Amino acid sequence: MVIDFNLEVLKELRGRSVKGVFGDISSMDTLDHAHVAKAEIIFSTIPDMLLKKTSNLSLVKTCRTLAPNTVIVAPADLTEQMEKLKKKDANDVLLPNSLIGGNLAWIIFDRYGMIN
């Protein structure tokens, strides 16, 4: 399930048979309405630099309150944020830029055999 403010995104997801809820991810009411407490895993995909009026630290804290035993994965914009997110009980923290770099290296090697 996806929670998003963008109705076009939700419409596209619905076309792909992905359930979506319109709402503000920083709102405890929205998360409660979306039954986040019953989730097996919560995966935040939006980096802090794109969030408005909230942060992944705040989202992890709110989700942990609603779902104390759920696995929570959050992105960090910088390595310094990783430890803070783990202290707020994120089970795992991803650095999207490093994931992109690793994938690009794999593509270059796999497709073009150009990495030493």
N, C-alpha and C. Protein backbone atom coordinates (compact mmCIF):
# COMPACT_ATOMS: atom_id res chain seq x y z
N MET A 1 0.83 -1.16 0.00
CA MET A 1 0.00 0.00 0.00
C MET A 1 0.88 1.24 0.00
N VAL A 2 0.44 2.26 -0.71
CA VAL A 2 1.19 3.51 -0.83
C VAL A 2 0.33 4.64 -0.26
N ILE A 3 0.95 5.53 0.48
CA ILE A 3 0.28 6.74 0.96
C ILE A 3 0.91 7.90 0.21
N ASP A 4 0.06 8.70 -0.46
CA ASP A 4 0.59 9.79 -1.28
C ASP A 4 -0.42 10.93 -1.35
N PHE A 5 0.11 12.13 -1.56
CA PHE A 5 -0.70 13.33 -1.78
C PHE A 5 -1.09 13.51 -3.23
N ASN A 6 -0.40 12.82 -4.12
CA ASN A 6 -0.58 13.02 -5.55
C ASN A 6 -1.63 12.05 -6.10
N LEU A 7 -2.77 12.59 -6.48
CA LEU A 7 -3.86 11.75 -6.99
C LEU A 7 -3.49 11.04 -8.29
N GLU A 8 -2.66 11.67 -9.11
CA GLU A 8 -2.23 11.03 -10.36
C GLU A 8 -1.38 9.79 -10.08
N VAL A 9 -0.51 9.89 -9.08
CA VAL A 9 0.31 8.74 -8.70
C VAL A 9 -0.59 7.61 -8.21
N LEU A 10 -1.56 7.96 -7.37
CA LEU A 10 -2.47 6.94 -6.85
C LEU A 10 -3.30 6.30 -7.96
N LYS A 11 -3.71 7.11 -8.94
CA LYS A 11 -4.47 6.58 -10.07
C LYS A 11 -3.62 5.60 -10.87
N GLU A 12 -2.37 5.96 -11.12
CA GLU A 12 -1.48 5.08 -11.87
C GLU A 12 -1.23 3.78 -11.10
N LEU A 13 -1.05 3.88 -9.80
CA LEU A 13 -0.82 2.69 -8.98
C LEU A 13 -2.05 1.78 -9.00
N ARG A 14 -3.23 2.39 -8.92
CA ARG A 14 -4.47 1.61 -8.97
C ARG A 14 -4.53 0.80 -10.27
N GLY A 15 -4.08 1.42 -11.36
CA GLY A 15 -4.03 0.73 -12.65
C GLY A 15 -3.07 -0.45 -12.65
N ARG A 16 -2.14 -0.44 -11.71
CA ARG A 16 -1.18 -1.55 -11.57
C ARG A 16 -1.57 -2.49 -10.42
N SER A 17 -2.80 -2.33 -9.94
CA SER A 17 -3.33 -3.15 -8.84
C SER A 17 -2.60 -2.95 -7.52
N VAL A 18 -2.09 -1.72 -7.30
CA VAL A 18 -1.45 -1.39 -6.04
C VAL A 18 -2.40 -0.49 -5.26
N LYS A 19 -2.71 -0.89 -4.04
CA LYS A 19 -3.62 -0.11 -3.20
C LYS A 19 -2.94 1.17 -2.74
N GLY A 20 -3.68 2.25 -2.74
CA GLY A 20 -3.15 3.53 -2.31
C GLY A 20 -4.14 4.30 -1.48
N VAL A 21 -3.62 5.15 -0.61
CA VAL A 21 -4.44 6.00 0.25
C VAL A 21 -3.96 7.44 0.05
N PHE A 22 -4.90 8.33 -0.16
CA PHE A 22 -4.58 9.75 -0.27
C PHE A 22 -4.39 10.32 1.12
N GLY A 23 -3.29 11.01 1.34
CA GLY A 23 -3.11 11.64 2.63
C GLY A 23 -1.71 12.13 2.87
N ASP A 24 -1.56 12.75 4.02
CA ASP A 24 -0.31 13.34 4.48
C ASP A 24 0.43 12.31 5.34
N ILE A 25 1.58 11.86 4.88
CA ILE A 25 2.31 10.84 5.61
C ILE A 25 2.81 11.30 6.98
N SER A 26 2.82 12.61 7.20
CA SER A 26 3.26 13.11 8.51
C SER A 26 2.12 13.15 9.52
N SER A 27 0.91 12.82 9.08
CA SER A 27 -0.26 12.86 9.96
C SER A 27 -0.51 11.51 10.61
N MET A 28 -0.55 11.50 11.93
CA MET A 28 -0.85 10.28 12.67
C MET A 28 -2.22 9.75 12.25
N ASP A 29 -3.19 10.64 12.00
CA ASP A 29 -4.52 10.21 11.57
C ASP A 29 -4.47 9.48 10.23
N THR A 30 -3.70 10.01 9.27
CA THR A 30 -3.57 9.36 7.97
C THR A 30 -2.96 7.97 8.12
N LEU A 31 -1.90 7.88 8.90
CA LEU A 31 -1.23 6.60 9.09
C LEU A 31 -2.13 5.60 9.80
N ASP A 32 -2.90 6.08 10.76
CA ASP A 32 -3.85 5.22 11.46
C ASP A 32 -4.95 4.76 10.51
N HIS A 33 -5.49 5.68 9.70
CA HIS A 33 -6.53 5.35 8.72
C HIS A 33 -6.03 4.33 7.70
N ALA A 34 -4.73 4.40 7.38
CA ALA A 34 -4.13 3.47 6.42
C ALA A 34 -3.76 2.13 7.07
N HIS A 35 -4.06 1.99 8.35
CA HIS A 35 -3.80 0.76 9.10
C HIS A 35 -2.32 0.39 9.13
N VAL A 36 -1.49 1.41 9.31
CA VAL A 36 -0.05 1.20 9.40
C VAL A 36 0.29 0.25 10.54
N ALA A 37 -0.50 0.24 11.59
CA ALA A 37 -0.24 -0.64 12.73
C ALA A 37 -0.25 -2.11 12.35
N LYS A 38 -0.92 -2.46 11.25
CA LYS A 38 -1.01 -3.85 10.82
C LYS A 38 0.04 -4.21 9.76
N ALA A 39 0.85 -3.26 9.37
CA ALA A 39 1.85 -3.50 8.32
C ALA A 39 2.94 -4.44 8.80
N GLU A 40 3.44 -5.26 7.90
CA GLU A 40 4.58 -6.12 8.21
C GLU A 40 5.88 -5.36 8.02
N ILE A 41 5.87 -4.46 7.04
CA ILE A 41 7.04 -3.63 6.78
C ILE A 41 6.57 -2.24 6.33
N ILE A 42 7.26 -1.23 6.82
CA ILE A 42 7.00 0.15 6.41
C ILE A 42 8.28 0.63 5.73
N PHE A 43 8.12 1.10 4.51
CA PHE A 43 9.28 1.50 3.72
C PHE A 43 9.06 2.92 3.24
N SER A 44 9.79 3.86 3.82
CA SER A 44 9.73 5.25 3.36
C SER A 44 10.67 5.38 2.17
N THR A 45 10.17 5.95 1.09
CA THR A 45 10.98 6.07 -0.12
C THR A 45 11.35 7.51 -0.44
N ILE A 46 10.88 8.45 0.35
CA ILE A 46 11.10 9.86 0.04
C ILE A 46 12.23 10.41 0.90
N PRO A 47 13.29 10.91 0.28
CA PRO A 47 14.38 11.50 1.07
C PRO A 47 13.94 12.81 1.73
N ASP A 48 14.60 13.15 2.81
CA ASP A 48 14.26 14.37 3.55
C ASP A 48 14.24 15.61 2.66
N MET A 49 15.16 15.68 1.70
CA MET A 49 15.23 16.89 0.87
C MET A 49 13.96 17.10 0.05
N LEU A 50 13.13 16.07 -0.10
CA LEU A 50 11.87 16.21 -0.84
C LEU A 50 10.65 16.30 0.07
N LEU A 51 10.83 16.00 1.35
CA LEU A 51 9.71 16.07 2.29
C LEU A 51 9.45 17.52 2.70
N LYS A 52 8.19 17.82 2.93
CA LYS A 52 7.81 19.16 3.37
C LYS A 52 7.16 19.07 4.73
N LYS A 53 7.65 19.87 5.66
CA LYS A 53 7.10 19.97 7.01
C LYS A 53 7.20 18.68 7.82
N THR A 54 8.10 17.79 7.43
CA THR A 54 8.37 16.59 8.20
C THR A 54 9.74 16.06 7.80
N SER A 55 10.13 14.97 8.41
CA SER A 55 11.41 14.33 8.10
C SER A 55 11.26 12.83 8.30
N ASN A 56 12.21 12.08 7.81
CA ASN A 56 12.18 10.64 8.02
C ASN A 56 12.36 10.30 9.50
N LEU A 57 13.09 11.12 10.24
CA LEU A 57 13.19 10.92 11.69
C LEU A 57 11.81 10.97 12.34
N SER A 58 11.05 11.97 11.97
CA SER A 58 9.70 12.13 12.51
C SER A 58 8.79 10.98 12.06
N LEU A 59 8.90 10.58 10.79
CA LEU A 59 8.07 9.50 10.28
C LEU A 59 8.38 8.18 10.98
N VAL A 60 9.66 7.90 11.19
CA VAL A 60 10.04 6.67 11.89
C VAL A 60 9.47 6.68 13.30
N LYS A 61 9.60 7.80 13.98
CA LYS A 61 9.08 7.90 15.36
C LYS A 61 7.57 7.68 15.39
N THR A 62 6.84 8.31 14.47
CA THR A 62 5.39 8.17 14.43
C THR A 62 4.98 6.74 14.08
N CYS A 63 5.64 6.17 13.07
CA CYS A 63 5.32 4.79 12.67
C CYS A 63 5.65 3.81 13.78
N ARG A 64 6.75 4.04 14.48
CA ARG A 64 7.13 3.14 15.58
C ARG A 64 6.10 3.20 16.70
N THR A 65 5.51 4.38 16.92
CA THR A 65 4.46 4.52 17.93
C THR A 65 3.24 3.68 17.54
N LEU A 66 2.87 3.75 16.27
CA LEU A 66 1.69 3.02 15.79
C LEU A 66 1.97 1.52 15.60
N ALA A 67 3.18 1.19 15.24
CA ALA A 67 3.52 -0.20 14.89
C ALA A 67 4.83 -0.60 15.57
N PRO A 68 4.78 -0.87 16.85
CA PRO A 68 6.02 -1.12 17.60
C PRO A 68 6.83 -2.33 17.14
N ASN A 69 6.21 -3.30 16.48
CA ASN A 69 6.91 -4.52 16.09
C ASN A 69 7.13 -4.65 14.59
N THR A 70 6.76 -3.62 13.84
CA THR A 70 6.88 -3.65 12.39
C THR A 70 8.30 -3.29 11.96
N VAL A 71 8.76 -3.90 10.89
CA VAL A 71 10.06 -3.55 10.31
C VAL A 71 9.91 -2.20 9.60
N ILE A 72 10.79 -1.27 9.93
CA ILE A 72 10.76 0.06 9.32
C ILE A 72 12.09 0.30 8.61
N VAL A 73 11.98 0.66 7.32
CA VAL A 73 13.15 0.98 6.51
C VAL A 73 12.99 2.42 6.03
N ALA A 74 14.02 3.22 6.21
CA ALA A 74 13.95 4.63 5.85
C ALA A 74 15.20 5.05 5.08
N PRO A 75 15.06 6.07 4.22
CA PRO A 75 16.23 6.58 3.52
C PRO A 75 16.91 7.69 4.31
N ALA A 76 18.21 7.83 4.10
CA ALA A 76 18.97 8.94 4.67
C ALA A 76 19.59 9.71 3.51
N ASP A 77 19.57 11.02 3.63
CA ASP A 77 20.21 11.85 2.61
C ASP A 77 21.73 11.82 2.78
N LEU A 78 22.18 11.75 4.02
CA LEU A 78 23.61 11.80 4.35
C LEU A 78 23.96 10.68 5.33
N THR A 79 25.20 10.25 5.33
CA THR A 79 25.60 9.19 6.25
C THR A 79 25.38 9.59 7.71
N GLU A 80 25.47 10.88 8.01
CA GLU A 80 25.27 11.35 9.39
C GLU A 80 23.85 11.07 9.89
N GLN A 81 22.91 10.99 8.97
CA GLN A 81 21.51 10.74 9.35
C GLN A 81 21.26 9.27 9.68
N MET A 82 22.10 8.40 9.20
CA MET A 82 21.86 6.97 9.39
C MET A 82 21.76 6.59 10.86
N GLU A 83 22.71 7.02 11.66
CA GLU A 83 22.71 6.68 13.09
C GLU A 83 21.51 7.29 13.81
N LYS A 84 21.13 8.50 13.45
CA LYS A 84 19.96 9.14 14.06
C LYS A 84 18.69 8.34 13.78
N LEU A 85 18.55 7.87 12.54
CA LEU A 85 17.37 7.09 12.18
C LEU A 85 17.36 5.75 12.92
N LYS A 86 18.51 5.14 13.08
CA LYS A 86 18.57 3.88 13.82
C LYS A 86 18.26 4.09 15.29
N LYS A 87 18.68 5.23 15.84
CA LYS A 87 18.36 5.54 17.24
C LYS A 87 16.86 5.77 17.43
N LYS A 88 16.18 6.19 16.38
CA LYS A 88 14.72 6.37 16.43
C LYS A 88 14.01 5.07 16.09
N ASP A 89 14.76 3.98 16.06
CA ASP A 89 14.23 2.62 15.87
C ASP A 89 13.91 2.24 14.44
N ALA A 90 14.59 2.83 13.47
CA ALA A 90 14.49 2.30 12.10
C ALA A 90 15.28 0.99 12.09
N ASN A 91 14.69 -0.06 11.54
CA ASN A 91 15.39 -1.33 11.47
C ASN A 91 16.54 -1.29 10.47
N ASP A 92 16.33 -0.54 9.41
CA ASP A 92 17.36 -0.43 8.39
C ASP A 92 17.29 0.96 7.78
N VAL A 93 18.43 1.44 7.33
CA VAL A 93 18.52 2.77 6.72
C VAL A 93 19.28 2.62 5.41
N LEU A 94 18.74 3.20 4.36
CA LEU A 94 19.36 3.13 3.04
C LEU A 94 19.88 4.49 2.62
N LEU A 95 20.99 4.49 1.93
CA LEU A 95 21.52 5.70 1.31
C LEU A 95 21.24 5.59 -0.18
N PRO A 96 20.15 6.21 -0.67
CA PRO A 96 19.78 6.05 -2.08
C PRO A 96 20.90 6.35 -3.05
N ASN A 97 21.71 7.37 -2.76
CA ASN A 97 22.80 7.70 -3.70
C ASN A 97 23.80 6.57 -3.83
N SER A 98 24.10 5.87 -2.73
CA SER A 98 25.05 4.75 -2.83
C SER A 98 24.42 3.58 -3.57
N LEU A 99 23.10 3.38 -3.41
CA LEU A 99 22.42 2.31 -4.15
C LEU A 99 22.44 2.60 -5.65
N ILE A 100 22.25 3.85 -6.00
CA ILE A 100 22.27 4.23 -7.41
C ILE A 100 23.66 3.98 -7.99
N GLY A 101 24.68 4.39 -7.24
CA GLY A 101 26.05 4.20 -7.71
C GLY A 101 26.37 2.74 -7.93
N GLY A 102 25.97 1.88 -6.98
CA GLY A 102 26.21 0.46 -7.13
C GLY A 102 25.49 -0.13 -8.33
N ASN A 103 24.27 0.30 -8.54
CA ASN A 103 23.50 -0.19 -9.69
C ASN A 103 24.10 0.29 -11.01
N LEU A 104 24.54 1.54 -11.04
CA LEU A 104 25.17 2.05 -12.26
C LEU A 104 26.45 1.29 -12.58
N ALA A 105 27.24 0.99 -11.55
CA ALA A 105 28.46 0.23 -11.76
C ALA A 105 28.14 -1.16 -12.32
N TRP A 106 27.11 -1.80 -11.76
CA TRP A 106 26.71 -3.12 -12.24
C TRP A 106 26.25 -3.06 -13.71
N ILE A 107 25.47 -2.04 -14.05
CA ILE A 107 24.98 -1.89 -15.43
C ILE A 107 26.16 -1.73 -16.39
N ILE A 108 27.11 -0.87 -16.01
CA ILE A 108 28.27 -0.63 -16.88
C ILE A 108 29.07 -1.92 -17.05
N PHE A 109 29.28 -2.64 -15.97
CA PHE A 109 30.02 -3.89 -16.05
C PHE A 109 29.24 -4.94 -16.85
N ASP A 110 27.97 -5.12 -16.50
CA ASP A 110 27.15 -6.16 -17.12
C ASP A 110 26.96 -5.92 -18.62
N ARG A 111 26.64 -4.71 -18.96
CA ARG A 111 26.32 -4.41 -20.37
C ARG A 111 27.54 -4.12 -21.23
N TYR A 112 28.55 -3.50 -20.62
CA TYR A 112 29.67 -3.03 -21.43
C TYR A 112 31.02 -3.60 -21.02
N GLY A 113 31.07 -4.35 -19.90
CA GLY A 113 32.31 -4.96 -19.45
C GLY A 113 33.42 -3.95 -19.23
N MET A 114 33.08 -2.77 -18.73
CA MET A 114 34.06 -1.68 -18.67
C MET A 114 34.62 -1.38 -17.30
N ILE A 115 34.34 -2.19 -16.29
CA ILE A 115 34.86 -1.86 -14.96
C ILE A 115 36.02 -2.79 -14.65
N ASN A 116 37.14 -2.19 -14.17
CA ASN A 116 38.35 -2.98 -13.84
C ASN A 116 38.14 -3.75 -12.58
